[in-house]
């Protein structure tokens, strides 16, 4: 398969999830840290329904939404949902200084924060220190909206997105990337390995609030790969995991990606 070439008109959700529904229940993401497996159809359905629910609840194009989660699955769901709703995903890693994260949320006038159960206490402190007024959590928790309740709402049309000008991500350091920027980064990563549907991609990079992790996972999903997410694995642990899952492509400890065979 040829390396990814960003479409001149396609936005990030169309590029990443455009063929997901047709791939059915084939596994898309095995998250060893989160202990979950997502198939392609489930990923597509939850992202599009949750994005529709955000729009129904008043999400505006270009609105910043904080993403403060601890697993690759939660980050993937949150980022793809936010950008599909026309929003901008602000990546807030668990290890970041809370005052810096709160400052970034305030500067971007974020009113919604998506978080996971393991980071809920810190998320609530961010709410107190910013203008955030609504917390969406992966799982039931007091004073939050359960993410999975969003997917039960009646679907609505999603907004049109201009990939050249519409922001998609803001990193923890405040760098803004448009849809086109993220797609370009996906293409740069793919140029190193030219992923195909038969590839199994082991992702060990940490959730550091940068663009590369969501770009790599988005690329792998767009290409129909199986992603095995295990941030922080040692080299010895990664070797065992690679053997167990038949990994063909792996991330490198200090950045980059390479084929194992």
C-alpha atoms as a PDB file:
ATOM      1  CA  UNK A   1       0.000   0.000   0.000  1.00  0.00           C
ATOM      2  CA  UNK A   2       1.273   3.494  -0.823  1.00  0.00           C
ATOM      3  CA  UNK A   3       2.112   5.884   2.034  1.00  0.00           C
ATOM      4  CA  UNK A   4      -0.733   8.079   3.214  1.00  0.00           C
ATOM      5  CA  UNK A   5      -1.312  11.233   1.186  1.00  0.00           C
ATOM      6  CA  UNK A   6      -3.489  13.814   2.952  1.00  0.00           C
ATOM      7  CA  UNK A   7      -6.625  14.652   1.006  1.00  0.00           C
ATOM      8  CA  UNK A   8      -6.968  18.222  -0.181  1.00  0.00           C
ATOM      9  CA  UNK A   9     -10.500  18.336   1.195  1.00  0.00           C
ATOM     10  CA  UNK A  10     -10.845  15.580   3.798  1.00  0.00           C
ATOM     11  CA  UNK A  11     -10.794  16.479   7.473  1.00  0.00           C
ATOM     12  CA  UNK A  12      -9.258  14.329  10.182  1.00  0.00           C
ATOM     13  CA  UNK A  13     -12.388  12.277  11.077  1.00  0.00           C
ATOM     14  CA  UNK A  14     -13.027  11.348   7.441  1.00  0.00           C
ATOM     15  CA  UNK A  15      -9.412  10.309   6.927  1.00  0.00           C
ATOM     16  CA  UNK A  16      -9.159   8.303  10.155  1.00  0.00           C
ATOM     17  CA  UNK A  17     -12.612   6.721  10.403  1.00  0.00           C
ATOM     18  CA  UNK A  18     -13.878   6.888   6.823  1.00  0.00           C
ATOM     19  CA  UNK A  19     -13.556   3.132   6.245  1.00  0.00           C
ATOM     20  CA  UNK A  20     -13.957   1.990   9.861  1.00  0.00           C
ATOM     21  CA  UNK A  21     -17.605   0.963   9.725  1.00  0.00           C
ATOM     22  CA  UNK A  22     -17.021  -1.298   6.718  1.00  0.00           C
ATOM     23  CA  UNK A  23     -14.266  -3.124   8.631  1.00  0.00           C
ATOM     24  CA  UNK A  24     -16.891  -4.424  11.034  1.00  0.00           C
ATOM     25  CA  UNK A  25     -15.869  -6.033  14.299  1.00  0.00           C
ATOM     26  CA  UNK A  26     -12.251  -6.578  13.318  1.00  0.00           C
ATOM     27  CA  UNK A  27     -10.086  -5.393  16.239  1.00  0.00           C
ATOM     28  CA  UNK A  28      -8.745  -1.876  15.858  1.00  0.00           C
ATOM     29  CA  UNK A  29      -7.243  -1.207  19.273  1.00  0.00           C
ATOM     30  CA  UNK A  30      -6.025  -3.484  22.059  1.00  0.00           C
ATOM     31  CA  UNK A  31      -5.205  -1.307  25.061  1.00  0.00           C
ATOM     32  CA  UNK A  32      -3.085  -3.252  27.529  1.00  0.00           C
ATOM     33  CA  UNK A  33      -3.004  -0.312  29.930  1.00  0.00           C
ATOM     34  CA  UNK A  34      -6.756   0.213  29.864  1.00  0.00           C
ATOM     35  CA  UNK A  35      -7.657  -3.458  29.579  1.00  0.00           C
ATOM     36  CA  UNK A  36     -10.066  -2.975  26.666  1.00  0.00           C
ATOM     37  CA  UNK A  37     -10.423  -4.027  23.039  1.00  0.00           C
ATOM     38  CA  UNK A  38     -12.211  -1.878  20.451  1.00  0.00           C
ATOM     39  CA  UNK A  39     -13.363  -3.111  17.076  1.00  0.00           C
ATOM     40  CA  UNK A  40     -13.589  -0.804  14.078  1.00  0.00           C
ATOM     41  CA  UNK A  41     -17.383  -0.605  13.993  1.00  0.00           C
ATOM     42  CA  UNK A  42     -17.585   0.141  17.729  1.00  0.00           C
ATOM     43  CA  UNK A  43     -14.931   2.853  17.448  1.00  0.00           C
ATOM     44  CA  UNK A  44     -16.742   4.488  14.530  1.00  0.00           C
ATOM     45  CA  UNK A  45     -20.142   4.288  16.217  1.00  0.00           C
ATOM     46  CA  UNK A  46     -19.065   5.682  19.574  1.00  0.00           C
ATOM     47  CA  UNK A  47     -17.063   8.552  18.086  1.00  0.00           C
ATOM     48  CA  UNK A  48     -19.739   9.689  15.648  1.00  0.00           C
ATOM     49  CA  UNK A  49     -22.592   9.362  18.146  1.00  0.00           C
ATOM     50  CA  UNK A  50     -20.692  11.121  20.927  1.00  0.00           C
ATOM     51  CA  UNK A  51     -19.667  13.908  18.540  1.00  0.00           C
ATOM     52  CA  UNK A  52     -23.287  14.311  17.490  1.00  0.00           C
ATOM     53  CA  UNK A  53     -24.305  14.513  21.150  1.00  0.00           C
ATOM     54  CA  UNK A  54     -21.741  17.238  21.829  1.00  0.00           C
ATOM     55  CA  UNK A  55     -23.184  19.240  18.944  1.00  0.00           C
ATOM     56  CA  UNK A  56     -26.698  18.694  20.294  1.00  0.00           C
ATOM     57  CA  UNK A  57     -25.536  19.913  23.700  1.00  0.00           C
ATOM     58  CA  UNK A  58     -24.272  23.167  22.216  1.00  0.00           C
ATOM     59  CA  UNK A  59     -20.690  22.520  21.123  1.00  0.00           C
ATOM     60  CA  UNK A  60     -19.541  25.269  18.751  1.00  0.00           C
ATOM     61  CA  UNK A  61     -17.106  24.984  15.832  1.00  0.00           C
ATOM     62  CA  UNK A  62     -13.616  25.804  17.033  1.00  0.00           C
ATOM     63  CA  UNK A  63     -14.499  25.356  20.703  1.00  0.00           C
ATOM     64  CA  UNK A  64     -11.617  24.087  22.844  1.00  0.00           C
ATOM     65  CA  UNK A  65     -12.237  20.911  24.852  1.00  0.00           C
ATOM     66  CA  UNK A  66      -9.736  19.625  27.390  1.00  0.00           C
ATOM     67  CA  UNK A  67      -8.631  15.982  27.111  1.00  0.00           C
ATOM     68  CA  UNK A  68      -7.172  14.784  30.421  1.00  0.00           C
ATOM     69  CA  UNK A  69      -6.989  10.985  30.257  1.00  0.00           C
ATOM     70  CA  UNK A  70      -4.615   8.184  31.150  1.00  0.00           C
ATOM     71  CA  UNK A  71      -5.056   5.555  28.421  1.00  0.00           C
ATOM     72  CA  UNK A  72      -4.607   5.453  24.661  1.00  0.00           C
ATOM     73  CA  UNK A  73      -8.190   4.262  24.201  1.00  0.00           C
ATOM     74  CA  UNK A  74      -9.646   7.189  26.119  1.00  0.00           C
ATOM     75  CA  UNK A  75      -7.390   9.647  24.293  1.00  0.00           C
ATOM     76  CA  UNK A  76      -8.359   8.224  20.903  1.00  0.00           C
ATOM     77  CA  UNK A  77     -12.083   8.323  21.661  1.00  0.00           C
ATOM     78  CA  UNK A  78     -11.884  11.817  23.139  1.00  0.00           C
ATOM     79  CA  UNK A  79      -9.737  13.370  20.418  1.00  0.00           C
ATOM     80  CA  UNK A  80     -11.685  11.868  17.526  1.00  0.00           C
ATOM     81  CA  UNK A  81     -15.007  12.812  19.142  1.00  0.00           C
ATOM     82  CA  UNK A  82     -13.984  16.411  19.756  1.00  0.00           C
ATOM     83  CA  UNK A  83     -12.607  17.001  16.263  1.00  0.00           C
ATOM     84  CA  UNK A  84     -15.594  15.278  14.623  1.00  0.00           C
ATOM     85  CA  UNK A  85     -17.833  17.720  16.505  1.00  0.00           C
ATOM     86  CA  UNK A  86     -15.815  20.597  15.036  1.00  0.00           C
ATOM     87  CA  UNK A  87     -13.949  21.252  18.268  1.00  0.00           C
ATOM     88  CA  UNK A  88     -10.294  21.513  19.236  1.00  0.00           C
ATOM     89  CA  UNK A  89      -8.829  18.823  21.513  1.00  0.00           C
ATOM     90  CA  UNK A  90      -6.490  20.284  24.138  1.00  0.00           C
ATOM     91  CA  UNK A  91      -4.095  17.535  25.260  1.00  0.00           C
ATOM     92  CA  UNK A  92      -3.435  17.638  29.010  1.00  0.00           C
ATOM     93  CA  UNK A  93      -1.168  14.789  30.171  1.00  0.00           C
ATOM     94  CA  UNK A  94      -1.483  13.336  33.647  1.00  0.00           C
ATOM     95  CA  UNK A  95       2.054  14.337  34.576  1.00  0.00           C
ATOM     96  CA  UNK A  96       1.711  18.010  33.677  1.00  0.00           C
ATOM     97  CA  UNK A  97       1.667  20.761  36.292  1.00  0.00           C
ATOM     98  CA  UNK A  98      -1.973  21.403  37.126  1.00  0.00           C
ATOM     99  CA  UNK A  99      -1.543  25.171  37.181  1.00  0.00           C
ATOM    100  CA  UNK A 100      -0.095  25.067  33.652  1.00  0.00           C
ATOM    101  CA  UNK A 101      -2.954  22.888  32.415  1.00  0.00           C
ATOM    102  CA  UNK A 102      -5.509  25.185  34.054  1.00  0.00           C
ATOM    103  CA  UNK A 103      -3.817  28.226  32.518  1.00  0.00           C
ATOM    104  CA  UNK A 104      -3.989  26.667  29.045  1.00  0.00           C
ATOM    105  CA  UNK A 105      -7.666  25.784  29.475  1.00  0.00           C
ATOM    106  CA  UNK A 106      -8.397  29.341  30.587  1.00  0.00           C
ATOM    107  CA  UNK A 107      -6.457  30.928  27.724  1.00  0.00           C
ATOM    108  CA  UNK A 108      -8.399  28.824  25.233  1.00  0.00           C
ATOM    109  CA  UNK A 109     -11.720  29.470  27.012  1.00  0.00           C
ATOM    110  CA  UNK A 110     -12.421  25.745  27.283  1.00  0.00           C
ATOM    111  CA  UNK A 111     -15.785  25.004  28.895  1.00  0.00           C
ATOM    112  CA  UNK A 112     -15.715  21.189  28.606  1.00  0.00           C
ATOM    113  CA  UNK A 113     -13.176  18.683  29.926  1.00  0.00           C
ATOM    114  CA  UNK A 114     -13.075  14.973  29.041  1.00  0.00           C
ATOM    115  CA  UNK A 115     -11.384  12.724  31.583  1.00  0.00           C
ATOM    116  CA  UNK A 116     -11.037   9.162  32.819  1.00  0.00           C
ATOM    117  CA  UNK A 117     -11.876   7.688  36.212  1.00  0.00           C
ATOM    118  CA  UNK A 118      -8.231   7.408  37.239  1.00  0.00           C
ATOM    119  CA  UNK A 119      -7.717  11.169  36.803  1.00  0.00           C
ATOM    120  CA  UNK A 120     -11.066  12.415  38.060  1.00  0.00           C
ATOM    121  CA  UNK A 121      -9.744  14.130  41.195  1.00  0.00           C
ATOM    122  CA  UNK A 122      -7.192  16.094  39.204  1.00  0.00           C
ATOM    123  CA  UNK A 123      -9.807  16.925  36.583  1.00  0.00           C
ATOM    124  CA  UNK A 124     -12.057  18.441  39.224  1.00  0.00           C
ATOM    125  CA  UNK A 125      -9.185  20.603  40.441  1.00  0.00           C
ATOM    126  CA  UNK A 126      -8.706  21.813  36.862  1.00  0.00           C
ATOM    127  CA  UNK A 127     -12.392  22.718  36.745  1.00  0.00           C
ATOM    128  CA  UNK A 128     -12.034  24.819  39.885  1.00  0.00           C
ATOM    129  CA  UNK A 129      -8.995  26.623  38.487  1.00  0.00           C
ATOM    130  CA  UNK A 130     -10.392  27.339  34.995  1.00  0.00           C
ATOM    131  CA  UNK A 131     -13.586  28.264  33.149  1.00  0.00           C
ATOM    132  CA  UNK A 132     -14.568  24.643  32.539  1.00  0.00           C
ATOM    133  CA  UNK A 133     -18.189  24.055  33.487  1.00  0.00           C
ATOM    134  CA  UNK A 134     -18.863  20.533  32.229  1.00  0.00           C
ATOM    135  CA  UNK A 135     -16.901  17.325  32.744  1.00  0.00           C
ATOM    136  CA  UNK A 136     -17.422  14.281  30.530  1.00  0.00           C
ATOM    137  CA  UNK A 137     -16.061  11.118  32.145  1.00  0.00           C
ATOM    138  CA  UNK A 138     -15.473   7.618  30.838  1.00  0.00           C
ATOM    139  CA  UNK A 139     -17.718   5.938  33.363  1.00  0.00           C
ATOM    140  CA  UNK A 140     -20.233   7.172  35.945  1.00  0.00           C
ATOM    141  CA  UNK A 141     -18.947   9.721  38.458  1.00  0.00           C
ATOM    142  CA  UNK A 142     -20.572  12.473  40.536  1.00  0.00           C
ATOM    143  CA  UNK A 143     -21.035  15.852  38.833  1.00  0.00           C
ATOM    144  CA  UNK A 144     -20.055  14.515  35.417  1.00  0.00           C
ATOM    145  CA  UNK A 145     -21.679  13.400  32.166  1.00  0.00           C
ATOM    146  CA  UNK A 146     -20.956   9.749  31.395  1.00  0.00           C
ATOM    147  CA  UNK A 147     -19.371   9.519  27.935  1.00  0.00           C
ATOM    148  CA  UNK A 148     -21.393   6.398  27.217  1.00  0.00           C
ATOM    149  CA  UNK A 149     -24.631   8.280  27.833  1.00  0.00           C
ATOM    150  CA  UNK A 150     -23.693  10.527  24.920  1.00  0.00           C
ATOM    151  CA  UNK A 151     -23.777   7.633  22.478  1.00  0.00           C
ATOM    152  CA  UNK A 152     -27.396   6.887  23.427  1.00  0.00           C
ATOM    153  CA  UNK A 153     -28.629  10.261  22.149  1.00  0.00           C
ATOM    154  CA  UNK A 154     -30.305  10.595  18.757  1.00  0.00           C
ATOM    155  CA  UNK A 155     -27.653  11.389  16.124  1.00  0.00           C
ATOM    156  CA  UNK A 156     -27.478  14.789  14.458  1.00  0.00           C
ATOM    157  CA  UNK A 157     -25.528  16.037  11.429  1.00  0.00           C
ATOM    158  CA  UNK A 158     -21.898  16.869  12.137  1.00  0.00           C
ATOM    159  CA  UNK A 159     -20.417  20.210  11.065  1.00  0.00           C
ATOM    160  CA  UNK A 160     -18.491  20.870   7.881  1.00  0.00           C
ATOM    161  CA  UNK A 161     -14.769  21.315   8.560  1.00  0.00           C
ATOM    162  CA  UNK A 162     -12.128  23.162   6.534  1.00  0.00           C
ATOM    163  CA  UNK A 163      -8.998  21.054   7.128  1.00  0.00           C
ATOM    164  CA  UNK A 164      -6.647  23.849   6.080  1.00  0.00           C
ATOM    165  CA  UNK A 165      -7.827  26.384   8.641  1.00  0.00           C
ATOM    166  CA  UNK A 166      -9.759  24.510  11.347  1.00  0.00           C
ATOM    167  CA  UNK A 167      -7.630  23.739  14.436  1.00  0.00           C
ATOM    168  CA  UNK A 168      -7.785  20.110  15.576  1.00  0.00           C
ATOM    169  CA  UNK A 169      -5.281  19.801  18.416  1.00  0.00           C
ATOM    170  CA  UNK A 170      -3.508  21.954  20.958  1.00  0.00           C
ATOM    171  CA  UNK A 171      -0.530  20.277  22.621  1.00  0.00           C
ATOM    172  CA  UNK A 172       0.314  20.608  26.299  1.00  0.00           C
ATOM    173  CA  UNK A 173       2.893  23.226  25.289  1.00  0.00           C
ATOM    174  CA  UNK A 174       0.253  25.284  23.523  1.00  0.00           C
ATOM    175  CA  UNK A 175       1.132  24.440  19.922  1.00  0.00           C
ATOM    176  CA  UNK A 176      -1.914  24.544  17.640  1.00  0.00           C
ATOM    177  CA  UNK A 177      -2.261  22.022  14.792  1.00  0.00           C
ATOM    178  CA  UNK A 178      -4.940  22.236  12.116  1.00  0.00           C
ATOM    179  CA  UNK A 179      -6.567  19.131  10.644  1.00  0.00           C
ATOM    180  CA  UNK A 180      -4.187  19.503   7.711  1.00  0.00           C
ATOM    181  CA  UNK A 181      -1.182  19.710  10.061  1.00  0.00           C
ATOM    182  CA  UNK A 182      -2.143  16.469  11.813  1.00  0.00           C
ATOM    183  CA  UNK A 183      -2.778  14.712   8.499  1.00  0.00           C
ATOM    184  CA  UNK A 184       0.617  15.889   7.271  1.00  0.00           C
ATOM    185  CA  UNK A 185       2.261  14.482  10.402  1.00  0.00           C
ATOM    186  CA  UNK A 186       0.420  11.201   9.819  1.00  0.00           C
ATOM    187  CA  UNK A 187       1.822  11.117   6.282  1.00  0.00           C
ATOM    188  CA  UNK A 188       5.346  11.805   7.565  1.00  0.00           C
ATOM    189  CA  UNK A 189       5.099   8.891   9.993  1.00  0.00           C
ATOM    190  CA  UNK A 190       3.701   6.631   7.284  1.00  0.00           C
ATOM    191  CA  UNK A 191       6.552   7.519   4.954  1.00  0.00           C
ATOM    192  CA  UNK A 192       8.855   5.663   7.361  1.00  0.00           C
ATOM    193  CA  UNK A 193       6.990   2.332   7.236  1.00  0.00           C
ATOM    194  CA  UNK A 194       4.067   2.466   4.715  1.00  0.00           C
ATOM    195  CA  UNK A 195       1.509   0.719   6.932  1.00  0.00           C
ATOM    196  CA  UNK A 196      -0.917  -1.837   5.503  1.00  0.00           C
ATOM    197  CA  UNK A 197      -4.023  -3.579   6.836  1.00  0.00           C
ATOM    198  CA  UNK A 198      -1.956  -6.613   7.789  1.00  0.00           C
ATOM    199  CA  UNK A 199       0.256  -4.654  10.186  1.00  0.00           C
ATOM    200  CA  UNK A 200       0.150  -4.938  13.970  1.00  0.00           C
ATOM    201  CA  UNK A 201       1.509  -1.725  15.502  1.00  0.00           C
ATOM    202  CA  UNK A 202       2.907  -1.710  19.047  1.00  0.00           C
ATOM    203  CA  UNK A 203       2.661   1.757  20.603  1.00  0.00           C
ATOM    204  CA  UNK A 204       4.780   2.310  23.713  1.00  0.00           C
ATOM    205  CA  UNK A 205       5.057   6.097  23.648  1.00  0.00           C
ATOM    206  CA  UNK A 206       3.698   7.849  26.751  1.00  0.00           C
ATOM    207  CA  UNK A 207       0.675  10.136  26.702  1.00  0.00           C
ATOM    208  CA  UNK A 208       2.873  13.224  26.866  1.00  0.00           C
ATOM    209  CA  UNK A 209       0.477  15.822  25.512  1.00  0.00           C
ATOM    210  CA  UNK A 210       2.165  15.926  22.113  1.00  0.00           C
ATOM    211  CA  UNK A 211       0.782  15.420  18.611  1.00  0.00           C
ATOM    212  CA  UNK A 212       2.732  12.312  17.602  1.00  0.00           C
ATOM    213  CA  UNK A 213       0.783   9.726  19.623  1.00  0.00           C
ATOM    214  CA  UNK A 214      -2.689  10.706  18.330  1.00  0.00           C
ATOM    215  CA  UNK A 215      -1.217  11.094  14.838  1.00  0.00           C
ATOM    216  CA  UNK A 216       0.258   7.583  14.901  1.00  0.00           C
ATOM    217  CA  UNK A 217      -2.887   5.947  16.282  1.00  0.00           C
ATOM    218  CA  UNK A 218      -4.996   7.887  13.781  1.00  0.00           C
ATOM    219  CA  UNK A 219      -2.743   6.745  10.949  1.00  0.00           C
ATOM    220  CA  UNK A 220      -2.891   3.105  12.024  1.00  0.00           C
ATOM    221  CA  UNK A 221      -6.690   3.206  12.270  1.00  0.00           C
ATOM    222  CA  UNK A 222      -6.938   4.933   8.887  1.00  0.00           C
ATOM    223  CA  UNK A 223      -4.841   2.147   7.352  1.00  0.00           C
ATOM    224  CA  UNK A 224      -6.866  -0.639   8.988  1.00  0.00           C
ATOM    225  CA  UNK A 225      -4.083  -1.898  11.262  1.00  0.00           C
ATOM    226  CA  UNK A 226      -4.353  -3.452  14.707  1.00  0.00           C
ATOM    227  CA  UNK A 227      -2.944  -1.101  17.351  1.00  0.00           C
ATOM    228  CA  UNK A 228      -1.546  -2.657  20.523  1.00  0.00           C
ATOM    229  CA  UNK A 229      -1.201   0.168  23.043  1.00  0.00           C
ATOM    230  CA  UNK A 230       1.166  -0.307  25.971  1.00  0.00           C
ATOM    231  CA  UNK A 231       2.708   3.043  26.948  1.00  0.00           C
ATOM    232  CA  UNK A 232       5.814   2.860  29.098  1.00  0.00           C
ATOM    233  CA  UNK A 233       6.821  -0.749  28.423  1.00  0.00           C
ATOM    234  CA  UNK A 234      10.485  -1.574  28.943  1.00  0.00           C
ATOM    235  CA  UNK A 235      12.403  -2.970  25.984  1.00  0.00           C
ATOM    236  CA  UNK A 236      12.250  -6.475  27.487  1.00  0.00           C
ATOM    237  CA  UNK A 237       8.501  -6.226  28.083  1.00  0.00           C
ATOM    238  CA  UNK A 238       7.989  -4.808  24.601  1.00  0.00           C
ATOM    239  CA  UNK A 239       9.831  -7.763  23.075  1.00  0.00           C
ATOM    240  CA  UNK A 240       7.515 -10.210  24.844  1.00  0.00           C
ATOM    241  CA  UNK A 241       4.412  -8.266  23.853  1.00  0.00           C
ATOM    242  CA  UNK A 242       5.612  -8.063  20.256  1.00  0.00           C
ATOM    243  CA  UNK A 243       5.979 -11.844  20.186  1.00  0.00           C
ATOM    244  CA  UNK A 244       2.558 -12.447  21.752  1.00  0.00           C
ATOM    245  CA  UNK A 245       0.678 -10.229  19.282  1.00  0.00           C
ATOM    246  CA  UNK A 246       2.726 -10.804  16.142  1.00  0.00           C
ATOM    247  CA  UNK A 247       3.821  -7.171  16.017  1.00  0.00           C
ATOM    248  CA  UNK A 248       5.224  -6.011  12.671  1.00  0.00           C
ATOM    249  CA  UNK A 249       5.785  -2.317  13.456  1.00  0.00           C
ATOM    250  CA  UNK A 250       6.860  -0.754  16.743  1.00  0.00           C
ATOM    251  CA  UNK A 251       7.528   2.665  18.161  1.00  0.00           C
ATOM    252  CA  UNK A 252      11.087   3.435  19.247  1.00  0.00           C
ATOM    253  CA  UNK A 253      11.955   4.588  22.788  1.00  0.00           C
ATOM    254  CA  UNK A 254      13.082   8.075  21.790  1.00  0.00           C
ATOM    255  CA  UNK A 255      10.661   8.700  18.948  1.00  0.00           C
ATOM    256  CA  UNK A 256      10.334   7.254  15.493  1.00  0.00           C
ATOM    257  CA  UNK A 257       8.781   4.038  14.267  1.00  0.00           C
ATOM    258  CA  UNK A 258      10.289   0.980  12.625  1.00  0.00           C
ATOM    259  CA  UNK A 259       9.403  -2.397  11.175  1.00  0.00           C
ATOM    260  CA  UNK A 260      10.337  -5.434  13.218  1.00  0.00           C
ATOM    261  CA  UNK A 261      10.427  -7.757  10.223  1.00  0.00           C
END
